Amino acid sequence: MSNDLQLSVTRDGVPDHASDTLVVRTAAQRQRAYRLRRKRAVIDAIGDEVTASRVTLLALLGQELAALDSGTVPTPLTEAKRHCVKRILTAIVTRYAIDLAD
């Protein structure tokens, strides 16, 4: 076996699948699965910013700001994107008790 293979186990030490067998995945497969989980987390966080993780909030904020900055967002959707950015920033400011009065 190469050094590139690892056993895929979740954070709580339980294998990914319901069966008792461990699945051997390559580094590329693990990375692909990680990217898919991150994408799903970002999609799930839309409208539920309060419970989203910090990493997910920052990824979502980056996507929304990039869309607004690119200028390719249709005019009717611009206000919706701005509202989404405001919700994300509000969640971050509230969660980390950031004082914007400075």
N, C-alpha and C. Protein backbone atom coordinates (compact mmCIF):
# COMPACT_ATOMS: atom_id res chain seq x y z
N MET A 1 0.83 -1.18 0.00
CA MET A 1 0.00 0.00 0.00
C MET A 1 0.87 1.24 0.00
N SER A 2 0.47 2.25 -0.71
CA SER A 2 1.25 3.47 -0.73
C SER A 2 0.91 4.32 0.49
N ASN A 3 1.72 5.34 0.74
CA ASN A 3 1.48 6.27 1.83
C ASN A 3 0.28 7.15 1.55
N ASP A 4 -0.22 7.12 0.32
CA ASP A 4 -1.33 7.98 -0.11
C ASP A 4 -2.68 7.46 0.38
N LEU A 5 -2.73 6.22 0.83
CA LEU A 5 -4.00 5.63 1.25
C LEU A 5 -4.16 5.74 2.77
N GLN A 6 -5.37 6.05 3.20
CA GLN A 6 -5.69 6.09 4.61
C GLN A 6 -7.06 5.49 4.82
N LEU A 7 -7.34 5.09 6.03
CA LEU A 7 -8.66 4.61 6.35
C LEU A 7 -9.56 5.82 6.59
N SER A 8 -10.75 5.77 6.05
CA SER A 8 -11.68 6.88 6.18
C SER A 8 -12.55 6.68 7.43
N VAL A 9 -12.34 7.52 8.43
CA VAL A 9 -13.06 7.42 9.68
C VAL A 9 -13.60 8.81 10.02
N THR A 10 -14.82 8.86 10.56
CA THR A 10 -15.39 10.15 10.93
C THR A 10 -14.75 10.66 12.22
N ARG A 11 -15.09 11.89 12.61
CA ARG A 11 -14.48 12.50 13.78
C ARG A 11 -14.74 11.73 15.07
N ASP A 12 -15.87 11.07 15.17
CA ASP A 12 -16.17 10.33 16.39
C ASP A 12 -15.60 8.92 16.38
N GLY A 13 -14.79 8.59 15.39
CA GLY A 13 -14.13 7.31 15.33
C GLY A 13 -14.95 6.21 14.72
N VAL A 14 -16.12 6.54 14.20
CA VAL A 14 -16.99 5.55 13.58
C VAL A 14 -16.74 5.58 12.08
N PRO A 15 -16.66 4.43 11.44
CA PRO A 15 -16.46 4.42 9.99
C PRO A 15 -17.57 5.18 9.26
N ASP A 16 -17.26 5.68 8.05
CA ASP A 16 -18.21 6.44 7.25
C ASP A 16 -19.47 5.65 6.95
N HIS A 17 -19.37 4.38 6.76
CA HIS A 17 -20.51 3.56 6.37
C HIS A 17 -21.08 2.82 7.58
N ALA A 18 -22.31 2.40 7.45
CA ALA A 18 -22.98 1.71 8.56
C ALA A 18 -22.35 0.35 8.85
N SER A 19 -21.70 -0.23 7.86
CA SER A 19 -21.09 -1.54 8.07
C SER A 19 -19.84 -1.39 8.93
N ASP A 20 -19.33 -2.51 9.39
CA ASP A 20 -18.15 -2.49 10.25
C ASP A 20 -16.85 -2.45 9.47
N THR A 21 -16.90 -2.47 8.15
CA THR A 21 -15.68 -2.45 7.36
C THR A 21 -15.24 -1.02 7.11
N LEU A 22 -13.95 -0.81 7.14
CA LEU A 22 -13.38 0.50 6.86
C LEU A 22 -13.13 0.63 5.36
N VAL A 23 -13.34 1.82 4.83
CA VAL A 23 -13.16 2.07 3.41
C VAL A 23 -11.81 2.74 3.21
N VAL A 24 -11.04 2.22 2.29
CA VAL A 24 -9.74 2.79 1.97
C VAL A 24 -9.94 3.79 0.84
N ARG A 25 -9.51 5.02 1.06
CA ARG A 25 -9.66 6.07 0.05
C ARG A 25 -8.31 6.71 -0.24
N THR A 26 -8.16 7.15 -1.47
CA THR A 26 -6.94 7.86 -1.85
C THR A 26 -7.04 9.30 -1.37
N ALA A 27 -5.93 10.00 -1.42
CA ALA A 27 -5.91 11.41 -1.01
C ALA A 27 -6.84 12.23 -1.90
N ALA A 28 -6.88 11.94 -3.18
CA ALA A 28 -7.76 12.67 -4.10
C ALA A 28 -9.23 12.44 -3.76
N GLN A 29 -9.58 11.22 -3.40
CA GLN A 29 -10.96 10.92 -3.03
C GLN A 29 -11.35 11.62 -1.72
N ARG A 30 -10.43 11.64 -0.76
CA ARG A 30 -10.71 12.33 0.49
C ARG A 30 -10.87 13.82 0.26
N GLN A 31 -10.02 14.40 -0.57
CA GLN A 31 -10.11 15.83 -0.86
C GLN A 31 -11.41 16.16 -1.59
N ARG A 32 -11.81 15.33 -2.53
CA ARG A 32 -13.07 15.53 -3.25
C ARG A 32 -14.26 15.47 -2.29
N ALA A 33 -14.24 14.51 -1.38
CA ALA A 33 -15.31 14.38 -0.38
C ALA A 33 -15.34 15.59 0.54
N TYR A 34 -14.17 16.08 0.93
CA TYR A 34 -14.08 17.27 1.78
C TYR A 34 -14.69 18.47 1.07
N ARG A 35 -14.34 18.68 -0.20
CA ARG A 35 -14.89 19.81 -0.96
C ARG A 35 -16.40 19.72 -1.09
N LEU A 36 -16.92 18.52 -1.31
CA LEU A 36 -18.37 18.33 -1.40
C LEU A 36 -19.05 18.66 -0.07
N ARG A 37 -18.44 18.22 1.04
CA ARG A 37 -19.03 18.54 2.35
C ARG A 37 -19.04 20.04 2.59
N ARG A 38 -17.97 20.73 2.20
CA ARG A 38 -17.90 22.19 2.39
C ARG A 38 -18.97 22.88 1.53
N LYS A 39 -19.13 22.44 0.28
CA LYS A 39 -20.14 23.04 -0.60
C LYS A 39 -21.54 22.84 -0.03
N ARG A 40 -21.80 21.63 0.47
CA ARG A 40 -23.12 21.36 1.07
C ARG A 40 -23.35 22.20 2.30
N ALA A 41 -22.31 22.38 3.11
CA ALA A 41 -22.44 23.19 4.33
C ALA A 41 -22.75 24.64 3.98
N VAL A 42 -22.11 25.16 2.93
CA VAL A 42 -22.38 26.54 2.51
C VAL A 42 -23.81 26.67 2.01
N ILE A 43 -24.25 25.72 1.21
CA ILE A 43 -25.63 25.76 0.70
C ILE A 43 -26.62 25.67 1.85
N ASP A 44 -26.37 24.80 2.80
CA ASP A 44 -27.27 24.64 3.95
C ASP A 44 -27.28 25.88 4.84
N ALA A 45 -26.20 26.65 4.84
CA ALA A 45 -26.10 27.82 5.72
C ALA A 45 -26.90 29.01 5.20
N ILE A 46 -27.26 29.01 3.94
CA ILE A 46 -28.02 30.13 3.39
C ILE A 46 -29.37 30.21 4.10
N GLY A 47 -29.61 31.33 4.74
CA GLY A 47 -30.83 31.52 5.50
C GLY A 47 -30.75 31.02 6.93
N ASP A 48 -29.69 30.31 7.28
CA ASP A 48 -29.51 29.79 8.62
C ASP A 48 -28.10 30.15 9.10
N GLU A 49 -27.76 31.42 8.95
CA GLU A 49 -26.41 31.88 9.26
C GLU A 49 -26.06 31.78 10.74
N VAL A 50 -27.06 31.86 11.61
CA VAL A 50 -26.81 31.86 13.05
C VAL A 50 -26.17 30.57 13.52
N THR A 51 -26.54 29.44 12.95
CA THR A 51 -26.01 28.16 13.40
C THR A 51 -24.85 27.65 12.53
N ALA A 52 -24.50 28.37 11.49
CA ALA A 52 -23.42 27.92 10.60
C ALA A 52 -22.06 28.06 11.27
N SER A 53 -21.13 27.23 10.87
CA SER A 53 -19.77 27.32 11.42
C SER A 53 -19.07 28.56 10.89
N ARG A 54 -18.01 28.95 11.57
CA ARG A 54 -17.24 30.13 11.18
C ARG A 54 -16.68 29.96 9.76
N VAL A 55 -16.13 28.80 9.49
CA VAL A 55 -15.55 28.55 8.17
C VAL A 55 -16.62 28.65 7.08
N THR A 56 -17.80 28.11 7.37
CA THR A 56 -18.89 28.16 6.40
C THR A 56 -19.35 29.59 6.18
N LEU A 57 -19.46 30.37 7.26
CA LEU A 57 -19.86 31.77 7.12
C LEU A 57 -18.86 32.55 6.28
N LEU A 58 -17.58 32.32 6.51
CA LEU A 58 -16.57 33.04 5.74
C LEU A 58 -16.58 32.62 4.27
N ALA A 59 -16.81 31.34 4.01
CA ALA A 59 -16.90 30.88 2.62
C ALA A 59 -18.11 31.49 1.92
N LEU A 60 -19.23 31.52 2.61
CA LEU A 60 -20.44 32.10 2.05
C LEU A 60 -20.27 33.59 1.83
N LEU A 61 -19.67 34.28 2.78
CA LEU A 61 -19.42 35.71 2.64
C LEU A 61 -18.51 35.98 1.44
N GLY A 62 -17.49 35.17 1.29
CA GLY A 62 -16.58 35.32 0.15
C GLY A 62 -17.28 35.14 -1.18
N GLN A 63 -18.16 34.15 -1.26
CA GLN A 63 -18.91 33.91 -2.50
C GLN A 63 -19.82 35.08 -2.84
N GLU A 64 -20.54 35.57 -1.83
CA GLU A 64 -21.49 36.66 -2.07
C GLU A 64 -20.76 37.95 -2.45
N LEU A 65 -19.68 38.26 -1.76
CA LEU A 65 -18.92 39.47 -2.08
C LEU A 65 -18.27 39.37 -3.46
N ALA A 66 -17.79 38.19 -3.81
CA ALA A 66 -17.19 38.00 -5.14
C ALA A 66 -18.24 38.20 -6.22
N ALA A 67 -19.44 37.70 -5.98
CA ALA A 67 -20.52 37.87 -6.96
C ALA A 67 -20.87 39.34 -7.12
N LEU A 68 -20.95 40.06 -6.00
CA LEU A 68 -21.26 41.49 -6.08
C LEU A 68 -20.13 42.27 -6.74
N ASP A 69 -18.90 41.89 -6.44
CA ASP A 69 -17.73 42.59 -6.98
C ASP A 69 -17.55 42.35 -8.47
N SER A 70 -17.97 41.18 -8.94
CA SER A 70 -17.76 40.86 -10.35
C SER A 70 -18.63 41.69 -11.27
N GLY A 71 -19.74 42.17 -10.76
CA GLY A 71 -20.64 42.98 -11.58
C GLY A 71 -21.48 42.16 -12.54
N THR A 72 -21.44 40.86 -12.42
CA THR A 72 -22.21 40.01 -13.34
C THR A 72 -23.58 39.62 -12.77
N VAL A 73 -23.86 40.07 -11.54
CA VAL A 73 -25.14 39.76 -10.91
C VAL A 73 -26.22 40.61 -11.56
N PRO A 74 -27.30 40.01 -12.03
CA PRO A 74 -28.39 40.78 -12.62
C PRO A 74 -28.94 41.79 -11.59
N THR A 75 -29.36 42.93 -12.07
CA THR A 75 -29.83 44.00 -11.20
C THR A 75 -30.89 43.55 -10.20
N PRO A 76 -31.87 42.75 -10.59
CA PRO A 76 -32.87 42.32 -9.60
C PRO A 76 -32.28 41.48 -8.46
N LEU A 77 -31.18 40.79 -8.70
CA LEU A 77 -30.58 39.94 -7.67
C LEU A 77 -29.56 40.66 -6.81
N THR A 78 -29.15 41.85 -7.22
CA THR A 78 -28.14 42.59 -6.47
C THR A 78 -28.60 42.87 -5.05
N GLU A 79 -29.82 43.32 -4.89
CA GLU A 79 -30.34 43.61 -3.55
C GLU A 79 -30.42 42.35 -2.70
N ALA A 80 -30.77 41.23 -3.30
CA ALA A 80 -30.81 39.97 -2.56
C ALA A 80 -29.42 39.56 -2.09
N LYS A 81 -28.41 39.75 -2.94
CA LYS A 81 -27.03 39.43 -2.57
C LYS A 81 -26.58 40.34 -1.42
N ARG A 82 -26.92 41.62 -1.50
CA ARG A 82 -26.55 42.56 -0.43
C ARG A 82 -27.21 42.16 0.89
N HIS A 83 -28.45 41.77 0.82
CA HIS A 83 -29.17 41.35 2.03
C HIS A 83 -28.51 40.11 2.63
N CYS A 84 -28.08 39.19 1.80
CA CYS A 84 -27.40 37.99 2.27
C CYS A 84 -26.08 38.35 2.96
N VAL A 85 -25.34 39.28 2.37
CA VAL A 85 -24.08 39.74 2.97
C VAL A 85 -24.36 40.37 4.33
N LYS A 86 -25.41 41.17 4.43
CA LYS A 86 -25.77 41.80 5.71
C LYS A 86 -26.10 40.75 6.77
N ARG A 87 -26.83 39.70 6.39
CA ARG A 87 -27.17 38.64 7.34
C ARG A 87 -25.92 37.92 7.83
N ILE A 88 -25.01 37.65 6.91
CA ILE A 88 -23.77 36.95 7.28
C ILE A 88 -22.94 37.81 8.22
N LEU A 89 -22.79 39.09 7.86
CA LEU A 89 -22.00 39.99 8.70
C LEU A 89 -22.64 40.17 10.08
N THR A 90 -23.97 40.25 10.12
CA THR A 90 -24.66 40.36 11.39
C THR A 90 -24.40 39.13 12.25
N ALA A 91 -24.43 37.95 11.65
CA ALA A 91 -24.16 36.72 12.40
C ALA A 91 -22.74 36.72 12.95
N ILE A 92 -21.78 37.15 12.15
CA ILE A 92 -20.38 37.19 12.59
C ILE A 92 -20.19 38.21 13.71
N VAL A 93 -20.73 39.42 13.52
CA VAL A 93 -20.59 40.49 14.51
C VAL A 93 -21.24 40.08 15.82
N THR A 94 -22.39 39.46 15.76
CA THR A 94 -23.10 39.04 16.97
C THR A 94 -22.36 37.91 17.66
N ARG A 95 -21.95 36.92 16.91
CA ARG A 95 -21.30 35.74 17.50
C ARG A 95 -20.00 36.11 18.20
N TYR A 96 -19.22 36.99 17.61
CA TYR A 96 -17.92 37.31 18.17
C TYR A 96 -17.90 38.64 18.92
N ALA A 97 -19.07 39.20 19.19
CA ALA A 97 -19.22 40.44 19.96
C ALA A 97 -18.27 41.52 19.46
N ILE A 98 -18.28 41.74 18.17
CA ILE A 98 -17.42 42.75 17.55
C ILE A 98 -18.06 44.11 17.73
N ASP A 99 -17.29 45.06 18.26
CA ASP A 99 -17.77 46.42 18.46
C ASP A 99 -17.38 47.26 17.25
N LEU A 100 -18.37 47.70 16.50
CA LEU A 100 -18.11 48.46 15.27
C LEU A 100 -18.08 49.96 15.53
N ALA A 101 -18.10 50.37 16.80
CA ALA A 101 -18.14 51.79 17.13
C ALA A 101 -16.78 52.46 17.00
N ASP A 102 -15.73 51.69 16.86
CA ASP A 102 -14.37 52.29 16.78
C ASP A 102 -14.19 53.14 15.59
